[in-house]
C-alpha cells in the first residue's frame, strides 16, 4: 500500500499508470488481460469482467482503491489519450491506441521497479497469507490446474514458519 500510495498523480500518464498498478495488485490480472480490457468491463458493483487464457471469462472483485483509481482515470485522463483508434479499450497509449503488453510491462518496471508477474504473485500470496482458500485463489487467478496455484504457497509456508517460531515457546 505504501508503494501504491507513493505513486504520483500529477499528469494524465501518472493517473493512467496508477490505475493500471492498482488494478493489477487488486485483481492479480495478467498483462494481456489488462491490455485487452474495455471500458464496459468495469462494472458499477466494483467488479471487472476479464477474458483470460483460453478465452475463459471470469468476473473479479475490485478493491475500493482500484475502483476509484480506474474511475478517476476514466473521468479525468482517458479522454486526453482517446482518438479514432481508441475504440472502447480501457487503457490507452499517448497515440490513442490500446496499450500493448510490452508497454504495460515497461510501465510496471518504471513505476514500481519490478515485473508485472510480481504483482500477480503478491496478490496471490497476500490472499493466502490472509487466510484465503487455495481453491478461491485458483479461481481468482484463472488457473485450470490447482498445481499451478500451488507455487504461490511457498511464501505462505515461510510466513507460517516465522509465525510458529514467534508464537511457540
N, C-alpha and C. Protein backbone atom coordinates (compact mmCIF):
# COMPACT_ATOMS: atom_id res chain seq x y z
N UNK A 1 0.82 -1.20 0.00
CA UNK A 1 0.00 0.00 0.00
C UNK A 1 0.86 1.26 0.00
N UNK A 2 1.96 1.22 0.76
CA UNK A 2 2.85 2.38 0.78
C UNK A 2 3.40 2.66 -0.61
N UNK A 3 3.77 1.60 -1.31
CA UNK A 3 4.31 1.75 -2.65
C UNK A 3 3.27 2.38 -3.58
N UNK A 4 2.04 1.89 -3.53
CA UNK A 4 0.98 2.42 -4.38
C UNK A 4 0.61 3.85 -3.97
N UNK A 5 0.64 4.13 -2.67
CA UNK A 5 0.35 5.48 -2.19
C UNK A 5 1.39 6.49 -2.65
N UNK A 6 2.61 6.02 -2.84
CA UNK A 6 3.69 6.94 -3.20
C UNK A 6 3.72 7.29 -4.69
N UNK A 7 2.89 6.64 -5.48
CA UNK A 7 2.88 6.93 -6.92
C UNK A 7 2.34 8.33 -7.19
N UNK A 8 2.99 9.07 -8.09
CA UNK A 8 2.50 10.42 -8.40
C UNK A 8 1.21 10.36 -9.22
N UNK A 9 0.41 11.41 -9.10
CA UNK A 9 -0.80 11.55 -9.92
C UNK A 9 -0.88 12.97 -10.45
N UNK A 10 0.27 13.48 -10.93
CA UNK A 10 0.36 14.86 -11.40
C UNK A 10 -0.04 15.02 -12.87
N UNK A 11 0.16 13.99 -13.66
CA UNK A 11 -0.14 14.08 -15.09
C UNK A 11 -1.16 13.01 -15.47
N UNK A 12 -1.69 13.10 -16.67
CA UNK A 12 -2.64 12.09 -17.14
C UNK A 12 -1.97 10.72 -17.24
N UNK A 13 -0.70 10.69 -17.64
CA UNK A 13 0.03 9.40 -17.68
C UNK A 13 0.18 8.83 -16.28
N UNK A 14 0.47 9.69 -15.30
CA UNK A 14 0.59 9.24 -13.90
C UNK A 14 -0.71 8.61 -13.43
N UNK A 15 -1.82 9.27 -13.74
CA UNK A 15 -3.14 8.78 -13.31
C UNK A 15 -3.44 7.44 -13.98
N UNK A 16 -3.14 7.34 -15.28
CA UNK A 16 -3.34 6.07 -16.00
C UNK A 16 -2.48 4.97 -15.41
N UNK A 17 -1.21 5.26 -15.20
CA UNK A 17 -0.27 4.25 -14.70
C UNK A 17 -0.66 3.78 -13.30
N UNK A 18 -1.09 4.70 -12.46
CA UNK A 18 -1.52 4.31 -11.11
C UNK A 18 -2.76 3.41 -11.19
N UNK A 19 -3.69 3.73 -12.09
CA UNK A 19 -4.88 2.89 -12.26
C UNK A 19 -4.49 1.48 -12.69
N UNK A 20 -3.53 1.37 -13.59
CA UNK A 20 -3.05 0.06 -14.04
C UNK A 20 -2.46 -0.72 -12.88
N UNK A 21 -1.61 -0.07 -12.10
CA UNK A 21 -0.95 -0.76 -10.98
C UNK A 21 -1.93 -1.14 -9.88
N UNK A 22 -2.85 -0.25 -9.56
CA UNK A 22 -3.88 -0.56 -8.55
C UNK A 22 -4.71 -1.76 -9.02
N UNK A 23 -5.07 -1.76 -10.29
CA UNK A 23 -5.86 -2.86 -10.85
C UNK A 23 -5.10 -4.18 -10.79
N UNK A 24 -3.85 -4.16 -11.19
CA UNK A 24 -3.07 -5.40 -11.22
C UNK A 24 -2.88 -5.97 -9.82
N UNK A 25 -2.64 -5.11 -8.85
CA UNK A 25 -2.48 -5.61 -7.48
C UNK A 25 -3.83 -6.03 -6.88
N UNK A 26 -4.88 -5.31 -7.22
CA UNK A 26 -6.21 -5.58 -6.69
C UNK A 26 -6.78 -6.91 -7.18
N UNK A 27 -6.43 -7.28 -8.42
CA UNK A 27 -7.11 -8.40 -9.04
C UNK A 27 -6.19 -9.52 -9.53
N UNK A 28 -4.89 -9.29 -9.51
CA UNK A 28 -3.96 -10.33 -9.96
C UNK A 28 -4.02 -10.60 -11.44
N UNK A 29 -4.40 -9.61 -12.23
CA UNK A 29 -4.54 -9.83 -13.67
C UNK A 29 -3.19 -10.04 -14.36
N UNK A 30 -3.24 -10.82 -15.43
CA UNK A 30 -2.09 -10.97 -16.33
C UNK A 30 -1.98 -9.70 -17.17
N UNK A 31 -0.79 -9.43 -17.68
CA UNK A 31 -0.58 -8.25 -18.52
C UNK A 31 -1.52 -8.26 -19.72
N UNK A 32 -1.66 -9.40 -20.38
CA UNK A 32 -2.53 -9.48 -21.56
C UNK A 32 -3.98 -9.19 -21.20
N UNK A 33 -4.39 -9.57 -20.01
CA UNK A 33 -5.76 -9.31 -19.57
C UNK A 33 -5.98 -7.81 -19.37
N UNK A 34 -4.99 -7.12 -18.82
CA UNK A 34 -5.09 -5.67 -18.63
C UNK A 34 -5.13 -4.97 -19.98
N UNK A 35 -4.28 -5.39 -20.87
CA UNK A 35 -4.17 -4.78 -22.20
C UNK A 35 -5.48 -4.86 -22.97
N UNK A 36 -6.20 -5.95 -22.82
CA UNK A 36 -7.41 -6.18 -23.61
C UNK A 36 -8.71 -5.72 -22.96
N UNK A 37 -8.63 -5.07 -21.81
CA UNK A 37 -9.85 -4.61 -21.14
C UNK A 37 -10.54 -3.51 -21.93
N UNK A 38 -11.87 -3.54 -21.90
CA UNK A 38 -12.70 -2.47 -22.47
C UNK A 38 -13.30 -1.67 -21.33
N UNK A 39 -13.73 -0.46 -21.63
CA UNK A 39 -14.35 0.38 -20.61
C UNK A 39 -15.60 -0.29 -20.03
N UNK A 40 -16.33 -1.05 -20.86
CA UNK A 40 -17.55 -1.71 -20.38
C UNK A 40 -17.26 -2.88 -19.44
N UNK A 41 -16.00 -3.31 -19.35
CA UNK A 41 -15.64 -4.41 -18.46
C UNK A 41 -15.60 -3.99 -16.99
N UNK A 42 -15.54 -2.69 -16.74
CA UNK A 42 -15.56 -2.18 -15.37
C UNK A 42 -17.02 -2.02 -14.98
N UNK A 43 -17.42 -2.68 -13.92
CA UNK A 43 -18.83 -2.69 -13.52
C UNK A 43 -19.06 -1.81 -12.29
N UNK A 44 -20.23 -1.26 -12.20
CA UNK A 44 -20.55 -0.34 -11.10
C UNK A 44 -20.61 -1.04 -9.74
N UNK A 45 -20.69 -2.36 -9.73
CA UNK A 45 -20.70 -3.09 -8.46
C UNK A 45 -19.27 -3.41 -7.98
N UNK A 46 -18.31 -2.65 -8.49
CA UNK A 46 -16.89 -2.78 -8.13
C UNK A 46 -16.35 -4.16 -8.49
N UNK A 47 -16.66 -4.58 -9.70
CA UNK A 47 -16.10 -5.81 -10.23
C UNK A 47 -15.64 -5.56 -11.66
N UNK A 48 -14.93 -6.53 -12.19
CA UNK A 48 -14.39 -6.40 -13.53
C UNK A 48 -14.55 -7.72 -14.27
N UNK A 49 -14.97 -7.64 -15.53
CA UNK A 49 -15.11 -8.82 -16.37
C UNK A 49 -13.81 -8.97 -17.16
N UNK A 50 -13.22 -10.15 -17.09
CA UNK A 50 -11.91 -10.40 -17.70
C UNK A 50 -11.99 -11.60 -18.64
N UNK A 51 -11.39 -11.45 -19.80
CA UNK A 51 -11.24 -12.57 -20.71
C UNK A 51 -9.81 -13.07 -20.57
N UNK A 52 -9.67 -14.25 -19.97
CA UNK A 52 -8.35 -14.79 -19.67
C UNK A 52 -7.84 -15.76 -20.71
N UNK A 53 -6.83 -16.51 -20.31
CA UNK A 53 -6.25 -17.53 -21.20
C UNK A 53 -7.32 -18.51 -21.64
N UNK A 54 -7.20 -18.97 -22.87
CA UNK A 54 -8.16 -19.93 -23.39
C UNK A 54 -9.54 -19.33 -23.55
N UNK A 55 -9.62 -18.01 -23.65
CA UNK A 55 -10.89 -17.29 -23.79
C UNK A 55 -11.87 -17.60 -22.65
N UNK A 56 -11.31 -17.89 -21.47
CA UNK A 56 -12.15 -18.11 -20.29
C UNK A 56 -12.51 -16.78 -19.67
N UNK A 57 -13.81 -16.58 -19.50
CA UNK A 57 -14.29 -15.34 -18.90
C UNK A 57 -14.45 -15.53 -17.40
N UNK A 58 -14.04 -14.52 -16.64
CA UNK A 58 -14.28 -14.54 -15.20
C UNK A 58 -14.59 -13.12 -14.73
N UNK A 59 -15.32 -13.03 -13.64
CA UNK A 59 -15.66 -11.75 -13.04
C UNK A 59 -14.95 -11.69 -11.70
N UNK A 60 -14.20 -10.61 -11.50
CA UNK A 60 -13.38 -10.46 -10.30
C UNK A 60 -13.80 -9.23 -9.51
N UNK A 61 -13.72 -9.30 -8.20
CA UNK A 61 -13.98 -8.10 -7.39
C UNK A 61 -12.80 -7.13 -7.51
N UNK A 62 -13.09 -5.87 -7.30
CA UNK A 62 -12.06 -4.84 -7.25
C UNK A 62 -12.04 -4.23 -5.86
N UNK A 63 -10.86 -3.85 -5.42
CA UNK A 63 -10.79 -3.10 -4.17
C UNK A 63 -11.37 -1.72 -4.40
N UNK A 64 -11.76 -1.08 -3.33
CA UNK A 64 -12.26 0.29 -3.41
C UNK A 64 -11.21 1.20 -4.05
N UNK A 65 -9.96 1.01 -3.64
CA UNK A 65 -8.85 1.83 -4.18
C UNK A 65 -8.71 1.67 -5.69
N UNK A 66 -8.73 0.42 -6.14
CA UNK A 66 -8.57 0.17 -7.58
C UNK A 66 -9.76 0.73 -8.35
N UNK A 67 -10.94 0.51 -7.84
CA UNK A 67 -12.15 1.01 -8.50
C UNK A 67 -12.11 2.54 -8.62
N UNK A 68 -11.75 3.21 -7.53
CA UNK A 68 -11.67 4.67 -7.55
C UNK A 68 -10.58 5.16 -8.49
N UNK A 69 -9.46 4.48 -8.49
CA UNK A 69 -8.35 4.87 -9.35
C UNK A 69 -8.72 4.73 -10.83
N UNK A 70 -9.38 3.64 -11.17
CA UNK A 70 -9.83 3.42 -12.55
C UNK A 70 -10.88 4.47 -12.95
N UNK A 71 -11.81 4.75 -12.04
CA UNK A 71 -12.83 5.77 -12.33
C UNK A 71 -12.21 7.14 -12.53
N UNK A 72 -11.23 7.49 -11.71
CA UNK A 72 -10.54 8.76 -11.88
C UNK A 72 -9.88 8.82 -13.25
N UNK A 73 -9.20 7.73 -13.63
CA UNK A 73 -8.57 7.68 -14.95
C UNK A 73 -9.62 7.86 -16.06
N UNK A 74 -10.74 7.15 -15.94
CA UNK A 74 -11.77 7.21 -16.99
C UNK A 74 -12.40 8.60 -17.08
N UNK A 75 -12.58 9.26 -15.94
CA UNK A 75 -13.23 10.58 -15.93
C UNK A 75 -12.26 11.71 -16.28
N UNK A 76 -11.01 11.59 -15.85
CA UNK A 76 -10.07 12.70 -15.97
C UNK A 76 -9.10 12.55 -17.13
N UNK A 77 -8.54 11.36 -17.31
CA UNK A 77 -7.39 11.21 -18.19
C UNK A 77 -7.64 10.48 -19.50
N UNK A 78 -8.51 9.51 -19.52
CA UNK A 78 -8.66 8.69 -20.72
C UNK A 78 -8.97 9.51 -21.96
N UNK A 79 -9.84 10.50 -21.80
CA UNK A 79 -10.25 11.31 -22.95
C UNK A 79 -9.07 12.09 -23.56
N UNK A 80 -8.04 12.37 -22.77
CA UNK A 80 -6.89 13.10 -23.32
C UNK A 80 -6.06 12.23 -24.25
N UNK A 81 -6.17 10.90 -24.11
CA UNK A 81 -5.45 9.97 -24.98
C UNK A 81 -6.30 9.52 -26.17
N UNK A 82 -7.62 9.59 -26.01
CA UNK A 82 -8.55 8.97 -26.96
C UNK A 82 -8.56 9.66 -28.32
N UNK A 83 -8.69 8.84 -29.36
CA UNK A 83 -8.88 9.33 -30.72
C UNK A 83 -9.61 8.24 -31.51
N UNK A 84 -9.60 8.33 -32.84
CA UNK A 84 -10.33 7.36 -33.67
C UNK A 84 -9.82 5.93 -33.54
N UNK A 85 -8.60 5.74 -33.06
CA UNK A 85 -8.03 4.39 -32.91
C UNK A 85 -8.39 3.74 -31.58
N UNK A 86 -8.98 4.48 -30.67
CA UNK A 86 -9.14 4.03 -29.29
C UNK A 86 -10.20 2.96 -29.08
N UNK A 87 -11.27 3.03 -29.83
CA UNK A 87 -12.36 2.11 -29.59
C UNK A 87 -12.81 2.21 -28.15
N UNK A 88 -13.12 1.08 -27.57
CA UNK A 88 -13.54 1.04 -26.17
C UNK A 88 -12.43 0.53 -25.24
N UNK A 89 -11.22 0.40 -25.76
CA UNK A 89 -10.13 -0.08 -24.89
C UNK A 89 -10.02 0.82 -23.68
N UNK A 90 -9.80 0.20 -22.53
CA UNK A 90 -9.73 0.95 -21.28
C UNK A 90 -8.43 1.75 -21.19
N UNK A 91 -7.31 1.09 -21.33
CA UNK A 91 -6.03 1.77 -21.15
C UNK A 91 -5.42 2.11 -22.49
N UNK A 92 -5.19 3.41 -22.69
CA UNK A 92 -4.72 3.93 -23.97
C UNK A 92 -3.32 4.51 -23.87
N UNK A 93 -2.59 4.38 -24.97
CA UNK A 93 -1.28 4.98 -25.07
C UNK A 93 -1.38 6.42 -25.53
N UNK A 94 -0.24 7.09 -25.63
CA UNK A 94 -0.25 8.51 -25.98
C UNK A 94 -0.73 8.76 -27.41
N UNK A 95 -0.67 7.73 -28.27
CA UNK A 95 -1.16 7.88 -29.64
C UNK A 95 -2.61 7.43 -29.80
N UNK A 96 -3.24 7.07 -28.69
CA UNK A 96 -4.67 6.75 -28.72
C UNK A 96 -5.03 5.29 -28.84
N UNK A 97 -4.09 4.45 -29.25
CA UNK A 97 -4.38 3.02 -29.36
C UNK A 97 -4.30 2.33 -28.01
N UNK A 98 -4.73 1.07 -27.97
CA UNK A 98 -4.66 0.33 -26.71
C UNK A 98 -3.19 0.15 -26.33
N UNK A 99 -2.95 0.11 -25.01
CA UNK A 99 -1.59 -0.15 -24.54
C UNK A 99 -1.22 -1.59 -24.84
N UNK A 100 -0.05 -1.80 -25.37
CA UNK A 100 0.42 -3.15 -25.66
C UNK A 100 0.91 -3.82 -24.38
N UNK A 101 1.04 -5.14 -24.43
CA UNK A 101 1.60 -5.88 -23.31
C UNK A 101 2.98 -5.33 -22.95
N UNK A 102 3.75 -5.07 -23.98
CA UNK A 102 5.12 -4.58 -23.77
C UNK A 102 5.12 -3.23 -23.04
N UNK A 103 4.22 -2.35 -23.43
CA UNK A 103 4.14 -1.03 -22.79
C UNK A 103 3.68 -1.16 -21.34
N UNK A 104 2.77 -2.05 -21.05
CA UNK A 104 2.32 -2.25 -19.67
C UNK A 104 3.48 -2.79 -18.83
N UNK A 105 4.24 -3.72 -19.39
CA UNK A 105 5.42 -4.23 -18.67
C UNK A 105 6.40 -3.10 -18.37
N UNK A 106 6.60 -2.22 -19.35
CA UNK A 106 7.52 -1.09 -19.17
C UNK A 106 7.02 -0.15 -18.08
N UNK A 107 5.72 0.11 -18.05
CA UNK A 107 5.13 0.99 -17.03
C UNK A 107 5.33 0.41 -15.64
N UNK A 108 5.06 -0.89 -15.49
CA UNK A 108 5.22 -1.53 -14.17
C UNK A 108 6.67 -1.46 -13.73
N UNK A 109 7.59 -1.78 -14.61
CA UNK A 109 9.02 -1.76 -14.29
C UNK A 109 9.46 -0.34 -13.90
N UNK A 110 9.01 0.65 -14.66
CA UNK A 110 9.37 2.04 -14.40
C UNK A 110 8.79 2.54 -13.09
N UNK A 111 7.52 2.24 -12.84
CA UNK A 111 6.82 2.82 -11.68
C UNK A 111 7.10 2.12 -10.36
N UNK A 112 7.24 0.79 -10.39
CA UNK A 112 7.44 0.07 -9.12
C UNK A 112 8.72 -0.76 -9.10
N UNK A 113 9.47 -0.75 -10.19
CA UNK A 113 10.78 -1.40 -10.19
C UNK A 113 10.76 -2.91 -10.19
N UNK A 114 9.67 -3.49 -10.65
CA UNK A 114 9.58 -4.94 -10.68
C UNK A 114 8.84 -5.37 -11.95
N UNK A 115 8.66 -6.67 -12.09
CA UNK A 115 7.96 -7.19 -13.25
C UNK A 115 6.48 -7.38 -12.92
N UNK A 116 5.61 -7.29 -13.92
CA UNK A 116 4.17 -7.42 -13.67
C UNK A 116 3.79 -8.72 -12.96
N UNK A 117 4.48 -9.80 -13.28
CA UNK A 117 4.11 -11.06 -12.63
C UNK A 117 4.34 -10.99 -11.12
N UNK A 118 5.25 -10.13 -10.68
CA UNK A 118 5.47 -9.96 -9.24
C UNK A 118 4.22 -9.40 -8.57
N UNK A 119 3.49 -8.54 -9.27
CA UNK A 119 2.24 -8.02 -8.70
C UNK A 119 1.21 -9.14 -8.59
N UNK A 120 1.15 -9.98 -9.60
CA UNK A 120 0.24 -11.13 -9.58
C UNK A 120 0.61 -12.08 -8.45
N UNK A 121 1.89 -12.31 -8.30
CA UNK A 121 2.40 -13.19 -7.25
C UNK A 121 2.08 -12.59 -5.87
N UNK A 122 2.28 -11.29 -5.72
CA UNK A 122 1.99 -10.62 -4.45
C UNK A 122 0.51 -10.69 -4.13
N UNK A 123 -0.34 -10.48 -5.14
CA UNK A 123 -1.78 -10.60 -4.97
C UNK A 123 -2.13 -11.97 -4.38
N UNK A 124 -1.63 -13.03 -5.02
CA UNK A 124 -1.95 -14.39 -4.57
C UNK A 124 -1.38 -14.67 -3.18
N UNK A 125 -0.16 -14.26 -2.95
CA UNK A 125 0.49 -14.51 -1.66
C UNK A 125 -0.24 -13.78 -0.53
N UNK A 126 -0.62 -12.53 -0.76
CA UNK A 126 -1.34 -11.78 0.27
C UNK A 126 -2.69 -12.41 0.58
N UNK A 127 -3.37 -12.92 -0.44
CA UNK A 127 -4.63 -13.62 -0.18
C UNK A 127 -4.41 -14.86 0.66
N UNK A 128 -3.42 -15.66 0.29
CA UNK A 128 -3.13 -16.89 1.03
C UNK A 128 -2.69 -16.57 2.46
N UNK A 129 -1.82 -15.57 2.62
CA UNK A 129 -1.38 -15.17 3.96
C UNK A 129 -2.55 -14.66 4.80
N UNK A 130 -3.54 -14.09 4.12
CA UNK A 130 -4.72 -13.58 4.82
C UNK A 130 -5.75 -14.65 5.13
N UNK A 131 -5.46 -15.89 4.73
CA UNK A 131 -6.34 -17.00 5.06
C UNK A 131 -7.26 -17.47 3.95
N UNK A 132 -7.10 -16.94 2.74
CA UNK A 132 -7.95 -17.38 1.63
C UNK A 132 -7.64 -18.83 1.27
N UNK A 133 -8.66 -19.54 0.90
CA UNK A 133 -8.53 -20.94 0.48
C UNK A 133 -7.82 -21.00 -0.88
N UNK A 134 -6.98 -21.98 -1.05
CA UNK A 134 -6.23 -22.14 -2.30
C UNK A 134 -7.16 -22.23 -3.51
N UNK A 135 -8.29 -22.88 -3.35
CA UNK A 135 -9.26 -23.02 -4.44
C UNK A 135 -9.81 -21.67 -4.89
N UNK A 136 -10.05 -20.79 -3.93
CA UNK A 136 -10.54 -19.43 -4.24
C UNK A 136 -9.47 -18.66 -5.02
N UNK A 137 -8.22 -18.75 -4.56
CA UNK A 137 -7.12 -18.07 -5.24
C UNK A 137 -6.97 -18.61 -6.66
N UNK A 138 -7.14 -19.92 -6.81
CA UNK A 138 -7.07 -20.54 -8.14
C UNK A 138 -8.11 -19.92 -9.08
N UNK A 139 -9.33 -19.77 -8.60
CA UNK A 139 -10.40 -19.18 -9.40
C UNK A 139 -10.09 -17.73 -9.75
N UNK A 140 -9.64 -16.97 -8.76
CA UNK A 140 -9.35 -15.55 -9.00
C UNK A 140 -8.24 -15.37 -10.03
N UNK A 141 -7.24 -16.25 -10.00
CA UNK A 141 -6.12 -16.15 -10.94
C UNK A 141 -6.46 -16.72 -12.32
N UNK A 142 -7.54 -17.47 -12.40
CA UNK A 142 -7.93 -18.06 -13.68
C UNK A 142 -7.12 -19.29 -14.03
N UNK A 143 -6.64 -20.00 -13.02
CA UNK A 143 -5.88 -21.23 -13.26
C UNK A 143 -6.81 -22.42 -13.42
N UNK A 144 -6.55 -23.27 -14.41
CA UNK A 144 -7.30 -24.52 -14.57
C UNK A 144 -6.84 -25.56 -13.57
N UNK A 145 -5.54 -25.62 -13.38
CA UNK A 145 -4.92 -26.67 -12.58
C UNK A 145 -4.53 -26.14 -11.21
N UNK A 146 -4.97 -26.79 -10.13
CA UNK A 146 -4.59 -26.32 -8.79
C UNK A 146 -3.07 -26.35 -8.56
N UNK A 147 -2.37 -27.22 -9.28
CA UNK A 147 -0.92 -27.27 -9.12
C UNK A 147 -0.25 -25.98 -9.57
N UNK A 148 -0.85 -25.30 -10.53
CA UNK A 148 -0.31 -24.02 -10.98
C UNK A 148 -0.40 -23.00 -9.85
N UNK A 149 -1.49 -23.02 -9.11
CA UNK A 149 -1.68 -22.09 -8.00
C UNK A 149 -0.80 -22.46 -6.82
N UNK A 150 -0.49 -23.73 -6.70
CA UNK A 150 0.31 -24.23 -5.57
C UNK A 150 1.65 -23.51 -5.44
N UNK A 151 2.22 -23.02 -6.55
CA UNK A 151 3.52 -22.36 -6.47
C UNK A 151 3.49 -21.11 -5.60
N UNK A 152 2.32 -20.52 -5.42
CA UNK A 152 2.21 -19.31 -4.61
C UNK A 152 2.20 -19.62 -3.11
N UNK A 153 2.10 -20.87 -2.74
CA UNK A 153 2.00 -21.20 -1.31
C UNK A 153 3.36 -21.21 -0.62
N UNK A 154 4.46 -21.26 -1.35
CA UNK A 154 5.76 -21.38 -0.68
C UNK A 154 6.05 -20.18 0.21
N UNK A 155 5.65 -19.00 -0.18
CA UNK A 155 5.89 -17.83 0.66
C UNK A 155 5.03 -17.93 1.91
N UNK A 156 3.82 -18.43 1.75
CA UNK A 156 2.95 -18.58 2.90
C UNK A 156 3.50 -19.59 3.89
N UNK A 157 4.16 -20.63 3.39
CA UNK A 157 4.79 -21.60 4.29
C UNK A 157 5.92 -20.94 5.07
N UNK A 158 6.67 -20.07 4.44
CA UNK A 158 7.71 -19.32 5.13
C UNK A 158 7.09 -18.46 6.22
N UNK A 159 5.99 -17.81 5.86
CA UNK A 159 5.28 -16.97 6.82
C UNK A 159 4.78 -17.82 7.99
N UNK A 160 4.29 -19.03 7.70
CA UNK A 160 3.81 -19.92 8.73
C UNK A 160 4.95 -20.29 9.69
N UNK A 161 6.10 -20.65 9.15
CA UNK A 161 7.26 -21.00 10.00
C UNK A 161 7.66 -19.83 10.88
N UNK A 162 7.67 -18.63 10.30
CA UNK A 162 8.05 -17.43 11.06
C UNK A 162 7.08 -17.22 12.21
N UNK A 163 5.78 -17.30 11.91
CA UNK A 163 4.77 -17.11 12.95
C UNK A 163 4.85 -18.21 14.02
N UNK A 164 5.13 -19.42 13.58
CA UNK A 164 5.27 -20.53 14.51
C UNK A 164 6.42 -20.27 15.48
N UNK A 165 7.56 -19.87 14.93
CA UNK A 165 8.74 -19.61 15.77
C UNK A 165 8.50 -18.44 16.72
N UNK A 166 7.75 -17.44 16.26
CA UNK A 166 7.45 -16.28 17.11
C UNK A 166 6.45 -16.64 18.21
N UNK A 167 5.56 -17.56 17.92
CA UNK A 167 4.44 -17.83 18.82
C UNK A 167 4.65 -19.00 19.76
N UNK A 168 5.41 -19.98 19.34
CA UNK A 168 5.53 -21.21 20.14
C UNK A 168 6.71 -21.09 21.12
N UNK A 169 6.46 -21.50 22.37
CA UNK A 169 7.53 -21.38 23.37
C UNK A 169 8.64 -22.37 23.05
